PDB file of all heavy atoms in Angstrom:
ATOM      1  N   GLN A   1      47.012  88.494 173.163  1.00  0.00           N
ATOM      2  CA  GLN A   1      46.281  89.137 172.092  1.00  0.00           C
ATOM      3  C   GLN A   1      47.124  89.308 170.716  1.00  0.00           C
ATOM      4  O   GLN A   1      46.404  89.517 169.684  1.00  0.00           O
ATOM      5  CB  GLN A   1      45.766  90.396 172.495  1.00  0.00           C
ATOM      6  CG  GLN A   1      44.581  90.303 173.427  1.00  0.00           C
ATOM      7  CD  GLN A   1      43.969  91.605 173.904  1.00  0.00           C
ATOM      8  OE1 GLN A   1      44.583  92.488 174.357  1.00  0.00           O
ATOM      9  NE2 GLN A   1      42.749  91.764 173.653  1.00  0.00           N
ATOM     10  N   ASP A   2      48.440  89.381 170.966  1.00  0.00           N
ATOM     11  CA  ASP A   2      49.387  89.585 169.764  1.00  0.00           C
ATOM     12  C   ASP A   2      50.005  88.292 169.250  1.00  0.00           C
ATOM     13  O   ASP A   2      50.936  88.388 168.481  1.00  0.00           O
ATOM     14  CB  ASP A   2      50.379  90.592 170.066  1.00  0.00           C
ATOM     15  CG  ASP A   2      49.811  91.987 170.164  1.00  0.00           C
ATOM     16  OD1 ASP A   2      49.134  92.392 169.203  1.00  0.00           O
ATOM     17  OD2 ASP A   2      49.946  92.667 171.292  1.00  0.00           O
ATOM     18  N   SER A   3      49.615  87.123 169.736  1.00  0.00           N
ATOM     19  CA  SER A   3      50.183  85.881 169.415  1.00  0.00           C
ATOM     20  C   SER A   3      49.891  85.649 167.861  1.00  0.00           C
ATOM     21  O   SER A   3      50.758  84.761 167.361  1.00  0.00           O
ATOM     22  CB  SER A   3      49.556  84.758 170.265  1.00  0.00           C
ATOM     23  OG  SER A   3      50.036  84.737 171.534  1.00  0.00           O
ATOM     24  N   GLY A   4      48.909  86.207 167.334  1.00  0.00           N
ATOM     25  CA  GLY A   4      48.701  85.892 165.874  1.00  0.00           C
ATOM     26  C   GLY A   4      49.836  86.417 165.072  1.00  0.00           C
ATOM     27  O   GLY A   4      50.518  85.671 164.154  1.00  0.00           O
ATOM     28  N   ARG A   5      50.190  87.770 165.264  1.00  0.00           N
ATOM     29  CA  ARG A   5      51.322  88.243 164.394  1.00  0.00           C
ATOM     30  C   ARG A   5      52.646  87.652 164.870  1.00  0.00           C
ATOM     31  O   ARG A   5      53.562  87.577 164.055  1.00  0.00           O
ATOM     32  CB  ARG A   5      51.274  89.723 164.356  1.00  0.00           C
ATOM     33  CG  ARG A   5      51.438  90.531 165.712  1.00  0.00           C
ATOM     34  CD  ARG A   5      51.280  92.038 165.423  1.00  0.00           C
ATOM     35  NE  ARG A   5      51.174  92.785 166.648  1.00  0.00           N
ATOM     36  CZ  ARG A   5      52.126  93.611 167.112  1.00  0.00           C
ATOM     37  NH1 ARG A   5      53.220  93.739 166.370  1.00  0.00           N
ATOM     38  NH2 ARG A   5      51.969  94.269 168.197  1.00  0.00           N
ATOM     39  N   LYS A   6      52.732  87.287 166.176  1.00  0.00           N
ATOM     40  CA  LYS A   6      53.951  86.621 166.554  1.00  0.00           C
ATOM     41  C   LYS A   6      54.136  85.243 165.857  1.00  0.00           C
ATOM     42  O   LYS A   6      55.316  84.915 165.337  1.00  0.00           O
ATOM     43  CB  LYS A   6      53.950  86.305 168.063  1.00  0.00           C
ATOM     44  CG  LYS A   6      55.047  85.569 168.698  1.00  0.00           C
ATOM     45  CD  LYS A   6      56.417  86.279 168.547  1.00  0.00           C
ATOM     46  CE  LYS A   6      57.578  85.626 169.351  1.00  0.00           C
ATOM     47  NZ  LYS A   6      57.922  84.267 168.910  1.00  0.00           N
ATOM     48  N   ALA A   7      53.104  84.522 165.702  1.00  0.00           N
ATOM     49  CA  ALA A   7      53.215  83.154 165.114  1.00  0.00           C
ATOM     50  C   ALA A   7      53.373  83.398 163.570  1.00  0.00           C
ATOM     51  O   ALA A   7      54.204  82.689 162.969  1.00  0.00           O
ATOM     52  CB  ALA A   7      51.717  82.415 165.310  1.00  0.00           C
ATOM     53  N   LEU A   8      52.713  84.341 162.965  1.00  0.00           N
ATOM     54  CA  LEU A   8      52.844  84.565 161.575  1.00  0.00           C
ATOM     55  C   LEU A   8      54.395  85.045 161.292  1.00  0.00           C
ATOM     56  O   LEU A   8      54.981  84.569 160.293  1.00  0.00           O
ATOM     57  CB  LEU A   8      51.921  85.644 160.982  1.00  0.00           C
ATOM     58  CG  LEU A   8      51.966  85.761 159.506  1.00  0.00           C
ATOM     59  CD1 LEU A   8      51.609  84.602 158.734  1.00  0.00           C
ATOM     60  CD2 LEU A   8      51.112  86.948 159.115  1.00  0.00           C
ATOM     61  N   SER A   9      54.983  85.901 162.181  1.00  0.00           N
ATOM     62  CA  SER A   9      56.289  86.346 161.926  1.00  0.00           C
ATOM     63  C   SER A   9      57.251  85.229 162.046  1.00  0.00           C
ATOM     64  O   SER A   9      58.231  85.152 161.262  1.00  0.00           O
ATOM     65  CB  SER A   9      56.544  87.539 162.986  1.00  0.00           C
ATOM     66  OG  SER A   9      56.744  86.985 164.118  1.00  0.00           O
ATOM     67  N   ASP A  10      56.972  84.246 163.002  1.00  0.00           N
ATOM     68  CA  ASP A  10      57.948  83.166 163.123  1.00  0.00           C
ATOM     69  C   ASP A  10      57.823  82.239 161.840  1.00  0.00           C
ATOM     70  O   ASP A  10      58.904  81.756 161.465  1.00  0.00           O
ATOM     71  CB  ASP A  10      57.502  82.353 164.372  1.00  0.00           C
ATOM     72  CG  ASP A  10      57.859  82.971 165.580  1.00  0.00           C
ATOM     73  OD1 ASP A  10      58.726  83.879 165.605  1.00  0.00           O
ATOM     74  OD2 ASP A  10      57.420  82.579 166.728  1.00  0.00           O
ATOM     75  N   TRP A  11      56.643  82.085 161.346  1.00  0.00           N
ATOM     76  CA  TRP A  11      56.682  81.244 160.053  1.00  0.00           C
ATOM     77  C   TRP A  11      57.212  82.094 158.805  1.00  0.00           C
ATOM     78  O   TRP A  11      57.919  81.505 157.954  1.00  0.00           O
ATOM     79  CB  TRP A  11      55.146  80.917 159.729  1.00  0.00           C
ATOM     80  CG  TRP A  11      54.944  80.260 158.371  1.00  0.00           C
ATOM     81  CD1 TRP A  11      55.362  79.015 158.104  1.00  0.00           C
ATOM     82  CD2 TRP A  11      54.623  80.856 157.190  1.00  0.00           C
ATOM     83  NE1 TRP A  11      55.133  78.689 156.816  1.00  0.00           N
ATOM     84  CE2 TRP A  11      54.652  79.839 156.240  1.00  0.00           C
ATOM     85  CE3 TRP A  11      54.196  82.107 156.824  1.00  0.00           C
ATOM     86  CZ2 TRP A  11      54.314  80.005 154.928  1.00  0.00           C
ATOM     87  CZ3 TRP A  11      53.779  82.280 155.559  1.00  0.00           C
ATOM     88  CH2 TRP A  11      53.808  81.368 154.586  1.00  0.00           C
ATOM     89  N   VAL A  12      56.937  83.343 158.760  1.00  0.00           N
ATOM     90  CA  VAL A  12      57.416  84.179 157.648  1.00  0.00           C
ATOM     91  C   VAL A  12      58.884  84.207 157.615  1.00  0.00           C
ATOM     92  O   VAL A  12      59.492  83.936 156.605  1.00  0.00           O
ATOM     93  CB  VAL A  12      56.933  85.559 157.738  1.00  0.00           C
ATOM     94  CG1 VAL A  12      57.728  86.524 156.802  1.00  0.00           C
ATOM     95  CG2 VAL A  12      55.405  85.652 157.313  1.00  0.00           C
ATOM     96  N   THR A  13      59.597  84.240 158.670  1.00  0.00           N
ATOM     97  CA  THR A  13      61.019  84.395 158.788  1.00  0.00           C
ATOM     98  C   THR A  13      61.762  83.084 158.979  1.00  0.00           C
ATOM     99  O   THR A  13      63.023  83.099 159.007  1.00  0.00           O
ATOM    100  CB  THR A  13      61.389  85.403 159.876  1.00  0.00           C
ATOM    101  OG1 THR A  13      60.928  84.887 161.048  1.00  0.00           O
ATOM    102  CG2 THR A  13      60.902  86.832 159.658  1.00  0.00           C
ATOM    103  N   GLY A  14      61.006  81.953 158.967  1.00  0.00           N
ATOM    104  CA  GLY A  14      61.650  80.709 159.225  1.00  0.00           C
ATOM    105  C   GLY A  14      62.447  80.283 158.123  1.00  0.00           C
ATOM    106  O   GLY A  14      62.140  80.447 156.939  1.00  0.00           O
ATOM    107  N   SER A  15      63.500  79.372 158.389  1.00  0.00           N
ATOM    108  CA  SER A  15      64.451  78.937 157.333  1.00  0.00           C
ATOM    109  C   SER A  15      63.700  77.997 156.373  1.00  0.00           C
ATOM    110  O   SER A  15      64.148  77.781 155.260  1.00  0.00           O
ATOM    111  CB  SER A  15      65.656  78.302 158.015  1.00  0.00           C
ATOM    112  OG  SER A  15      65.298  77.143 158.774  1.00  0.00           O
ATOM    113  N   GLY A  16      62.569  77.539 156.730  1.00  0.00           N
ATOM    114  CA  GLY A  16      61.821  76.512 155.974  1.00  0.00           C
ATOM    115  C   GLY A  16      60.799  77.137 155.145  1.00  0.00           C
ATOM    116  O   GLY A  16      60.250  76.521 154.187  1.00  0.00           O
ATOM    117  N   ASN A  17      60.562  78.485 155.218  1.00  0.00           N
ATOM    118  CA  ASN A  17      59.711  79.205 154.358  1.00  0.00           C
ATOM    119  C   ASN A  17      60.171  79.204 152.947  1.00  0.00           C
ATOM    120  O   ASN A  17      61.274  79.590 152.659  1.00  0.00           O
ATOM    121  CB  ASN A  17      59.553  80.684 154.872  1.00  0.00           C
ATOM    122  CG  ASN A  17      58.344  81.416 154.218  1.00  0.00           C
ATOM    123  OD1 ASN A  17      58.389  81.440 153.031  1.00  0.00           O
ATOM    124  ND2 ASN A  17      57.482  81.829 154.969  1.00  0.00           N
ATOM    125  N   PRO A  18      59.195  78.764 152.047  1.00  0.00           N
ATOM    126  CA  PRO A  18      59.655  78.687 150.527  1.00  0.00           C
ATOM    127  C   PRO A  18      59.819  79.933 149.937  1.00  0.00           C
ATOM    128  O   PRO A  18      60.323  79.997 148.726  1.00  0.00           O
ATOM    129  CB  PRO A  18      58.634  77.814 149.899  1.00  0.00           C
ATOM    130  CG  PRO A  18      57.319  78.039 150.786  1.00  0.00           C
ATOM    131  CD  PRO A  18      57.911  78.287 152.258  1.00  0.00           C
ATOM    132  N   TYR A  19      59.489  81.086 150.507  1.00  0.00           N
ATOM    133  CA  TYR A  19      59.376  82.347 149.798  1.00  0.00           C
ATOM    134  C   TYR A  19      60.328  83.386 150.465  1.00  0.00           C
ATOM    135  O   TYR A  19      60.866  84.289 149.659  1.00  0.00           O
ATOM    136  CB  TYR A  19      58.037  82.942 149.704  1.00  0.00           C
ATOM    137  CG  TYR A  19      56.983  82.105 149.191  1.00  0.00           C
ATOM    138  CD1 TYR A  19      56.152  81.298 150.025  1.00  0.00           C
ATOM    139  CD2 TYR A  19      56.867  81.662 147.714  1.00  0.00           C
ATOM    140  CE1 TYR A  19      55.107  80.396 149.438  1.00  0.00           C
ATOM    141  CE2 TYR A  19      55.940  80.910 147.294  1.00  0.00           C
ATOM    142  CZ  TYR A  19      55.064  80.211 148.019  1.00  0.00           C
ATOM    143  OH  TYR A  19      54.004  79.447 147.565  1.00  0.00           O
ATOM    144  N   PHE A  20      60.576  83.272 151.676  1.00  0.00           N
ATOM    145  CA  PHE A  20      61.209  84.397 152.448  1.00  0.00           C
ATOM    146  C   PHE A  20      62.520  84.773 151.873  1.00  0.00           C
ATOM    147  O   PHE A  20      62.871  85.879 151.478  1.00  0.00           O
ATOM    148  CB  PHE A  20      61.305  84.102 153.860  1.00  0.00           C
ATOM    149  CG  PHE A  20      61.812  85.101 154.854  1.00  0.00           C
ATOM    150  CD1 PHE A  20      61.164  86.375 154.825  1.00  0.00           C
ATOM    151  CD2 PHE A  20      63.043  84.919 155.472  1.00  0.00           C
ATOM    152  CE1 PHE A  20      61.744  87.399 155.675  1.00  0.00           C
ATOM    153  CE2 PHE A  20      63.616  85.982 156.250  1.00  0.00           C
ATOM    154  CZ  PHE A  20      63.035  87.098 156.376  1.00  0.00           C
ATOM    155  N   ALA A  21      63.513  83.821 151.825  1.00  0.00           N
ATOM    156  CA  ALA A  21      64.923  84.053 151.398  1.00  0.00           C
ATOM    157  C   ALA A  21      64.864  84.466 149.897  1.00  0.00           C
ATOM    158  O   ALA A  21      65.657  85.278 149.417  1.00  0.00           O
ATOM    159  CB  ALA A  21      65.866  82.902 151.685  1.00  0.00           C
ATOM    160  N   LYS A  22      64.063  83.855 149.032  1.00  0.00           N
ATOM    161  CA  LYS A  22      64.058  83.916 147.700  1.00  0.00           C
ATOM    162  C   LYS A  22      63.580  85.366 147.319  1.00  0.00           C
ATOM    163  O   LYS A  22      64.041  85.996 146.446  1.00  0.00           O
ATOM    164  CB  LYS A  22      63.178  82.991 146.963  1.00  0.00           C
ATOM    165  CG  LYS A  22      63.837  81.618 146.917  1.00  0.00           C
ATOM    166  CD  LYS A  22      62.924  80.625 146.144  1.00  0.00           C
ATOM    167  CE  LYS A  22      63.599  79.246 146.033  1.00  0.00           C
ATOM    168  NZ  LYS A  22      62.698  78.173 145.313  1.00  0.00           N
ATOM    169  N   ASN A  23      62.671  85.888 148.084  1.00  0.00           N
ATOM    170  CA  ASN A  23      62.111  87.228 147.875  1.00  0.00           C
ATOM    171  C   ASN A  23      63.184  88.239 148.127  1.00  0.00           C
ATOM    172  O   ASN A  23      63.426  89.198 147.314  1.00  0.00           O
ATOM    173  CB  ASN A  23      60.892  87.486 148.807  1.00  0.00           C
ATOM    174  CG  ASN A  23      60.403  88.898 148.642  1.00  0.00           C
ATOM    175  OD1 ASN A  23      60.023  89.429 147.638  1.00  0.00           O
ATOM    176  ND2 ASN A  23      60.536  89.609 149.825  1.00  0.00           N
ATOM    177  N   ALA A  24      63.896  88.083 149.174  1.00  0.00           N
ATOM    178  CA  ALA A  24      64.961  89.124 149.442  1.00  0.00           C
ATOM    179  C   ALA A  24      66.042  89.019 148.468  1.00  0.00           C
ATOM    180  O   ALA A  24      66.544  90.060 147.991  1.00  0.00           O
ATOM    181  CB  ALA A  24      65.545  88.681 150.940  1.00  0.00           C
ATOM    182  N   VAL A  25      66.376  87.868 147.991  1.00  0.00           N
ATOM    183  CA  VAL A  25      67.436  87.627 147.013  1.00  0.00           C
ATOM    184  C   VAL A  25      66.941  88.356 145.688  1.00  0.00           C
ATOM    185  O   VAL A  25      67.784  89.038 145.008  1.00  0.00           O
ATOM    186  CB  VAL A  25      67.705  86.102 146.654  1.00  0.00           C
ATOM    187  CG1 VAL A  25      68.534  86.016 145.481  1.00  0.00           C
ATOM    188  CG2 VAL A  25      68.554  85.594 147.979  1.00  0.00           C
ATOM    189  N   ASN A  26      65.732  88.002 145.412  1.00  0.00           N
ATOM    190  CA  ASN A  26      65.174  88.541 144.108  1.00  0.00           C
ATOM    191  C   ASN A  26      65.131  90.123 144.023  1.00  0.00           C
ATOM    192  O   ASN A  26      65.455  90.665 143.033  1.00  0.00           O
ATOM    193  CB  ASN A  26      63.793  88.064 143.822  1.00  0.00           C
ATOM    194  CG  ASN A  26      63.338  88.183 142.364  1.00  0.00           C
ATOM    195  OD1 ASN A  26      63.977  87.892 141.455  1.00  0.00           O
ATOM    196  ND2 ASN A  26      62.070  88.681 142.321  1.00  0.00           N
ATOM    197  N   ARG A  27      64.743  90.634 145.130  1.00  0.00           N
ATOM    198  CA  ARG A  27      64.658  92.121 145.193  1.00  0.00           C
ATOM    199  C   ARG A  27      66.066  92.782 145.251  1.00  0.00           C
ATOM    200  O   ARG A  27      66.276  93.820 144.618  1.00  0.00           O
ATOM    201  CB  ARG A  27      63.897  92.551 146.446  1.00  0.00           C
ATOM    202  CG  ARG A  27      62.316  92.207 146.237  1.00  0.00           C
ATOM    203  CD  ARG A  27      61.601  92.607 147.448  1.00  0.00           C
ATOM    204  NE  ARG A  27      60.084  92.166 147.367  1.00  0.00           N
ATOM    205  CZ  ARG A  27      59.232  92.777 146.579  1.00  0.00           C
ATOM    206  NH1 ARG A  27      59.495  93.919 145.975  1.00  0.00           N
ATOM    207  NH2 ARG A  27      57.916  92.296 146.654  1.00  0.00           N
ATOM    208  N   LEU A  28      66.966  92.083 145.927  1.00  0.00           N
ATOM    209  CA  LEU A  28      68.259  92.714 145.967  1.00  0.00           C
ATOM    210  C   LEU A  28      69.106  92.489 144.572  1.00  0.00           C
ATOM    211  O   LEU A  28      69.589  93.342 144.047  1.00  0.00           O
ATOM    212  CB  LEU A  28      69.169  92.019 146.940  1.00  0.00           C
ATOM    213  CG  LEU A  28      70.381  92.875 147.616  1.00  0.00           C
ATOM    214  CD1 LEU A  28      69.904  94.105 148.098  1.00  0.00           C
ATOM    215  CD2 LEU A  28      71.100  91.857 148.631  1.00  0.00           C
ATOM    216  N   TRP A  29      68.725  91.510 143.945  1.00  0.00           N
ATOM    217  CA  TRP A  29      69.347  91.140 142.507  1.00  0.00           C
ATOM    218  C   TRP A  29      68.687  92.196 141.506  1.00  0.00           C
ATOM    219  O   TRP A  29      69.479  92.793 140.740  1.00  0.00           O
ATOM    220  CB  TRP A  29      68.888  89.828 142.025  1.00  0.00           C
ATOM    221  CG  TRP A  29      69.474  89.474 140.718  1.00  0.00           C
ATOM    222  CD1 TRP A  29      68.926  89.748 139.513  1.00  0.00           C
ATOM    223  CD2 TRP A  29      70.682  88.650 140.503  1.00  0.00           C
ATOM    224  NE1 TRP A  29      69.658  89.150 138.493  1.00  0.00           N
ATOM    225  CE2 TRP A  29      70.779  88.611 138.976  1.00  0.00           C
ATOM    226  CE3 TRP A  29      71.575  88.142 141.189  1.00  0.00           C
ATOM    227  CZ2 TRP A  29      71.774  87.964 138.316  1.00  0.00           C
ATOM    228  CZ3 TRP A  29      72.691  87.521 140.507  1.00  0.00           C
ATOM    229  CH2 TRP A  29      72.715  87.334 139.061  1.00  0.00           C
ATOM    230  N   ALA A  30      67.474  92.611 141.762  1.00  0.00           N
ATOM    231  CA  ALA A  30      66.836  93.530 140.839  1.00  0.00           C
ATOM    232  C   ALA A  30      67.432  94.980 141.060  1.00  0.00           C
ATOM    233  O   ALA A  30      67.515  95.800 140.280  1.00  0.00           O
ATOM    234  CB  ALA A  30      65.288  93.620 141.182  1.00  0.00           C
ATOM    235  N   HIS A  31      67.881  95.202 142.307  1.00  0.00           N
ATOM    236  CA  HIS A  31      68.480  96.463 142.696  1.00  0.00           C
ATOM    237  C   HIS A  31      69.738  96.643 141.932  1.00  0.00           C
ATOM    238  O   HIS A  31      70.025  97.709 141.502  1.00  0.00           O
ATOM    239  CB  HIS A  31      68.719  96.590 144.201  1.00  0.00           C
ATOM    240  CG  HIS A  31      69.537  97.764 144.675  1.00  0.00           C
ATOM    241  ND1 HIS A  31      69.173  98.980 144.580  1.00  0.00           N
ATOM    242  CD2 HIS A  31      70.881  97.709 145.209  1.00  0.00           C
ATOM    243  CE1 HIS A  31      70.197  99.887 144.977  1.00  0.00           C
ATOM    244  NE2 HIS A  31      71.221  99.031 145.375  1.00  0.00           N
ATOM    245  N   TYR A  32      70.550  95.671 141.856  1.00  0.00           N
ATOM    246  CA  TYR A  32      71.856  95.687 141.164  1.00  0.00           C
ATOM    247  C   TYR A  32      71.825  95.524 139.670  1.00  0.00           C
ATOM    248  O   TYR A  32      72.631  95.899 138.922  1.00  0.00           O
ATOM    249  CB  TYR A  32      72.777  94.645 141.788  1.00  0.00           C
ATOM    250  CG  TYR A  32      73.158  94.939 143.271  1.00  0.00           C
ATOM    251  CD1 TYR A  32      72.773  94.119 144.248  1.00  0.00           C
ATOM    252  CD2 TYR A  32      73.835  96.061 143.620  1.00  0.00           C
ATOM    253  CE1 TYR A  32      73.092  94.395 145.553  1.00  0.00           C
ATOM    254  CE2 TYR A  32      74.132  96.356 144.863  1.00  0.00           C
ATOM    255  CZ  TYR A  32      73.629  95.567 145.930  1.00  0.00           C
ATOM    256  OH  TYR A  32      73.990  95.807 147.231  1.00  0.00           O
ATOM    257  N   PHE A  33      70.801  94.844 139.189  1.00  0.00           N
ATOM    258  CA  PHE A  33      70.697  94.637 137.684  1.00  0.00           C
ATOM    259  C   PHE A  33      69.541  95.353 136.966  1.00  0.00           C
ATOM    260  O   PHE A  33      69.345  95.280 135.841  1.00  0.00           O
ATOM    261  CB  PHE A  33      70.616  93.147 137.428  1.00  0.00           C
ATOM    262  CG  PHE A  33      71.930  92.348 137.708  1.00  0.00           C
ATOM    263  CD1 PHE A  33      72.158  91.684 138.797  1.00  0.00           C
ATOM    264  CD2 PHE A  33      72.952  92.375 136.705  1.00  0.00           C
ATOM    265  CE1 PHE A  33      73.319  90.973 139.012  1.00  0.00           C
ATOM    266  CE2 PHE A  33      74.115  91.712 136.874  1.00  0.00           C
ATOM    267  CZ  PHE A  33      74.377  90.950 138.113  1.00  0.00           C
ATOM    268  N   GLY A  34      68.684  95.998 137.701  1.00  0.00           N
ATOM    269  CA  GLY A  34      67.542  96.614 137.118  1.00  0.00           C
ATOM    270  C   GLY A  34      66.376  95.704 136.739  1.00  0.00           C
ATOM    271  O   GLY A  34      65.297  96.119 136.412  1.00  0.00           O
ATOM    272  N   VAL A  35      66.613  94.365 136.911  1.00  0.00           N
ATOM    273  CA  VAL A  35      65.521  93.411 136.651  1.00  0.00           C
ATOM    274  C   VAL A  35      65.730  92.228 137.560  1.00  0.00           C
ATOM    275  O   VAL A  35      66.831  91.777 137.824  1.00  0.00           O
ATOM    276  CB  VAL A  35      65.511  92.922 135.242  1.00  0.00           C
ATOM    277  CG1 VAL A  35      66.867  92.342 134.744  1.00  0.00           C
ATOM    278  CG2 VAL A  35      64.465  92.033 134.875  1.00  0.00           C
ATOM    279  N   GLY A  36      64.681  91.627 138.182  1.00  0.00           N
ATOM    280  CA  GLY A  36      64.758  90.460 138.990  1.00  0.00           C
ATOM    281  C   GLY A  36      64.933  89.266 138.228  1.00  0.00           C
ATOM    282  O   GLY A  36      64.663  89.051 137.110  1.00  0.00           O
ATOM    283  N   LEU A  37      65.425  88.206 139.024  1.00  0.00           N
ATOM    284  CA  LEU A  37      65.419  86.818 138.518  1.00  0.00           C
ATOM    285  C   LEU A  37      64.003  86.304 138.320  1.00  0.00           C
ATOM    286  O   LEU A  37      63.732  85.456 137.407  1.00  0.00           O
ATOM    287  CB  LEU A  37      66.152  85.867 139.470  1.00  0.00           C
ATOM    288  CG  LEU A  37      67.638  86.118 139.613  1.00  0.00           C
ATOM    289  CD1 LEU A  37      68.237  85.503 140.896  1.00  0.00           C
ATOM    290  CD2 LEU A  37      68.441  85.554 138.433  1.00  0.00           C
ATOM    291  N   VAL A  38      62.987  86.894 138.986  1.00  0.00           N
ATOM    292  CA  VAL A  38      61.602  86.664 138.775  1.00  0.00           C
ATOM    293  C   VAL A  38      60.974  87.938 138.720  1.00  0.00           C
ATOM    294  O   VAL A  38      61.130  88.829 139.376  1.00  0.00           O
ATOM    295  CB  VAL A  38      60.991  85.925 140.002  1.00  0.00           C
ATOM    296  CG1 VAL A  38      59.419  85.744 139.736  1.00  0.00           C
ATOM    297  CG2 VAL A  38      61.658  84.460 140.280  1.00  0.00           C
ATOM    298  N   GLU A  39      60.089  88.166 137.563  1.00  0.00           N
ATOM    299  CA  GLU A  39      59.348  89.356 137.386  1.00  0.00           C
ATOM    300  C   GLU A  39      57.945  88.966 137.151  1.00  0.00           C
ATOM    301  O   GLU A  39      57.773  87.883 136.411  1.00  0.00           O
ATOM    302  CB  GLU A  39      60.024  90.054 136.037  1.00  0.00           C
ATOM    303  CG  GLU A  39      61.307  90.761 136.353  1.00  0.00           C
ATOM    304  CD  GLU A  39      61.191  92.078 137.169  1.00  0.00           C
ATOM    305  OE1 GLU A  39      59.971  92.508 137.326  1.00  0.00           O
ATOM    306  OE2 GLU A  39      62.184  92.586 137.629  1.00  0.00           O
ATOM    307  N   PRO A  40      57.012  89.751 137.548  1.00  0.00           N
ATOM    308  CA  PRO A  40      57.192  90.949 138.527  1.00  0.00           C
ATOM    309  C   PRO A  40      57.661  90.448 139.836  1.00  0.00           C
ATOM    310  O   PRO A  40      57.615  89.288 140.265  1.00  0.00           O
ATOM    311  CB  PRO A  40      55.728  91.477 138.535  1.00  0.00           C
ATOM    312  CG  PRO A  40      54.799  90.421 138.203  1.00  0.00           C
ATOM    313  CD  PRO A  40      55.550  89.519 137.210  1.00  0.00           C
ATOM    314  N   LEU A  41      58.192  91.423 140.634  1.00  0.00           N
ATOM    315  CA  LEU A  41      58.822  91.058 141.880  1.00  0.00           C
ATOM    316  C   LEU A  41      57.957  90.476 143.007  1.00  0.00           C
ATOM    317  O   LEU A  41      58.371  89.806 143.988  1.00  0.00           O
ATOM    318  CB  LEU A  41      59.581  92.369 142.517  1.00  0.00           C
ATOM    319  CG  LEU A  41      60.709  92.912 141.540  1.00  0.00           C
ATOM    320  CD1 LEU A  41      61.299  94.136 142.296  1.00  0.00           C
ATOM    321  CD2 LEU A  41      61.779  91.866 141.282  1.00  0.00           C
ATOM    322  N   ASP A  42      56.633  90.883 142.887  1.00  0.00           N
ATOM    323  CA  ASP A  42      55.706  90.372 143.963  1.00  0.00           C
ATOM    324  C   ASP A  42      54.964  89.279 143.363  1.00  0.00           C
ATOM    325  O   ASP A  42      53.693  88.925 143.690  1.00  0.00           O
ATOM    326  CB  ASP A  42      54.845  91.638 144.162  1.00  0.00           C
ATOM    327  CG  ASP A  42      53.943  92.143 143.110  1.00  0.00           C
ATOM    328  OD1 ASP A  42      54.212  91.693 142.020  1.00  0.00           O
ATOM    329  OD2 ASP A  42      53.209  93.027 143.389  1.00  0.00           O
ATOM    330  N   ASP A  43      55.513  88.490 142.521  1.00  0.00           N
ATOM    331  CA  ASP A  43      54.829  87.226 142.018  1.00  0.00           C
ATOM    332  C   ASP A  43      55.832  85.946 142.013  1.00  0.00           C
ATOM    333  O   ASP A  43      56.326  85.529 140.916  1.00  0.00           O
ATOM    334  CB  ASP A  43      54.234  87.342 140.610  1.00  0.00           C
ATOM    335  CG  ASP A  43      53.420  86.160 140.292  1.00  0.00           C
ATOM    336  OD1 ASP A  43      53.037  85.344 141.070  1.00  0.00           O
ATOM    337  OD2 ASP A  43      52.851  86.184 139.107  1.00  0.00           O
ATOM    338  N   LEU A  44      56.199  85.577 143.317  1.00  0.00           N
ATOM    339  CA  LEU A  44      57.073  84.385 143.371  1.00  0.00           C
ATOM    340  C   LEU A  44      56.329  83.036 143.349  1.00  0.00           C
ATOM    341  O   LEU A  44      56.963  82.083 143.776  1.00  0.00           O
ATOM    342  CB  LEU A  44      57.979  84.514 144.628  1.00  0.00           C
ATOM    343  CG  LEU A  44      59.155  85.492 144.646  1.00  0.00           C
ATOM    344  CD1 LEU A  44      59.838  85.462 145.935  1.00  0.00           C
ATOM    345  CD2 LEU A  44      60.158  85.047 143.476  1.00  0.00           C
ATOM    346  N   SER A  45      55.091  83.165 143.011  1.00  0.00           N
ATOM    347  CA  SER A  45      54.337  81.848 142.957  1.00  0.00           C
ATOM    348  C   SER A  45      54.916  80.847 142.065  1.00  0.00           C
ATOM    349  O   SER A  45      55.664  81.122 141.020  1.00  0.00           O
ATOM    350  CB  SER A  45      52.907  82.147 142.802  1.00  0.00           C
ATOM    351  OG  SER A  45      52.818  82.520 141.235  1.00  0.00           O
ATOM    352  N   GLU A  46      54.489  79.455 142.180  1.00  0.00           N
ATOM    353  CA  GLU A  46      54.889  78.417 141.331  1.00  0.00           C
ATOM    354  C   GLU A  46      54.485  78.641 139.944  1.00  0.00           C
ATOM    355  O   GLU A  46      55.022  78.062 139.038  1.00  0.00           O
ATOM    356  CB  GLU A  46      54.454  77.152 141.924  1.00  0.00           C
ATOM    357  CG  GLU A  46      55.031  76.606 143.120  1.00  0.00           C
ATOM    358  CD  GLU A  46      54.577  77.419 144.445  1.00  0.00           C
ATOM    359  OE1 GLU A  46      53.679  78.304 144.342  1.00  0.00           O
ATOM    360  OE2 GLU A  46      55.044  77.145 145.560  1.00  0.00           O
TER     361      GLU A  46
END
């Protein structure tokens, strides 16, 4: 019954995900510089 979130978590955290690593980097960069490489922080879309 929980295979849905298991499958989604595997995709979200996978190395091939185009957003996962960039989101972490962008938020951490914003923590140290006060502004992200992408702003707003929750809009990493193309």
